């Protein structure tokens, strides 16, 4: 999980969700992509309050998780 309010990974310090976090989330929500997107959208909403002015949050939190 991310350290708030920076939304950085507590393990590696990269912007969350970092690559390991994304892989873990994809594994955890393997059978529920919609659930993953809802979870990420909720976190995006929370992060928007902490990271005001960052206009790439949707890419960071949601775009990577869409079905391909």
Protein backbone atom coordinates (compact mmCIF):
# COMPACT_ATOMS: atom_id res chain seq x y z
CA UNK A 1 0.00 0.00 0.00
CA UNK A 2 0.98 3.58 -0.46
CA UNK A 3 2.31 5.91 2.17
CA UNK A 4 0.03 8.89 2.41
CA UNK A 5 -0.01 11.78 1.63
CA UNK A 6 2.86 11.23 -0.83
CA UNK A 7 1.28 8.16 -2.45
CA UNK A 8 4.68 6.51 -2.67
CA UNK A 9 5.25 2.78 -2.25
CA UNK A 10 6.22 1.92 1.32
CA UNK A 11 8.65 -0.71 0.04
CA UNK A 12 10.46 0.80 -2.94
CA UNK A 13 9.57 4.50 -2.73
CA UNK A 14 8.27 4.69 -6.31
CA UNK A 15 5.01 6.38 -7.20
CA UNK A 16 2.21 4.03 -6.14
CA UNK A 17 0.99 1.82 -7.70
CA UNK A 18 4.51 0.79 -8.68
CA UNK A 19 5.16 -2.24 -10.89
CA UNK A 20 5.22 -4.76 -8.01
CA UNK A 21 2.00 -3.28 -6.59
CA UNK A 22 0.33 -3.48 -10.01
CA UNK A 23 1.31 -7.12 -10.38
CA UNK A 24 0.03 -7.89 -6.89
CA UNK A 25 -3.26 -6.11 -7.57
CA UNK A 26 -3.72 -7.90 -10.89
CA UNK A 27 -3.15 -11.21 -9.11
CA UNK A 28 -5.48 -10.37 -6.26
CA UNK A 29 -8.25 -9.21 -8.59
CA UNK A 30 -7.55 -11.77 -11.33
CA UNK A 31 -11.19 -12.81 -11.54
CA UNK A 32 -12.68 -9.37 -10.84
CA UNK A 33 -11.34 -6.64 -13.13
CA UNK A 34 -14.37 -4.45 -12.43
CA UNK A 35 -13.70 -4.75 -8.70
CA UNK A 36 -10.08 -3.72 -9.30
CA UNK A 37 -11.16 -0.66 -11.26
CA UNK A 38 -13.64 0.34 -8.55
CA UNK A 39 -10.95 -0.06 -5.88
CA UNK A 40 -8.48 1.99 -7.91
CA UNK A 41 -11.06 4.68 -8.63
CA UNK A 42 -11.71 4.99 -4.89
CA UNK A 43 -7.99 5.40 -4.24
CA UNK A 44 -7.72 7.87 -7.12
CA UNK A 45 -10.39 10.00 -5.45
CA UNK A 46 -8.48 9.92 -2.16
CA UNK A 47 -5.15 10.65 -3.87
CA UNK A 48 -6.62 13.62 -5.74
CA UNK A 49 -7.10 15.36 -2.41
CA UNK A 50 -3.50 14.69 -1.35
CA UNK A 51 -1.89 15.31 -4.74
CA UNK A 52 -3.85 18.32 -5.94
CA UNK A 53 -2.61 19.68 -9.24
CA UNK A 54 -1.30 16.35 -10.51
CA UNK A 55 -3.19 15.90 -13.78
CA UNK A 56 -1.77 12.44 -14.58
CA UNK A 57 -3.46 10.62 -11.72
CA UNK A 58 -5.93 8.80 -13.96
CA UNK A 59 -3.07 7.25 -15.93
CA UNK A 60 -1.27 6.39 -12.72
CA UNK A 61 -4.25 4.80 -10.97
CA UNK A 62 -6.69 3.56 -13.63
CA UNK A 63 -5.49 3.39 -17.23
CA UNK A 64 -2.95 0.60 -16.66
CA UNK A 65 -5.61 -1.69 -15.18
CA UNK A 66 -8.12 -1.59 -18.03
CA UNK A 67 -8.75 -4.85 -19.82
CA UNK A 68 -6.69 -5.36 -22.95
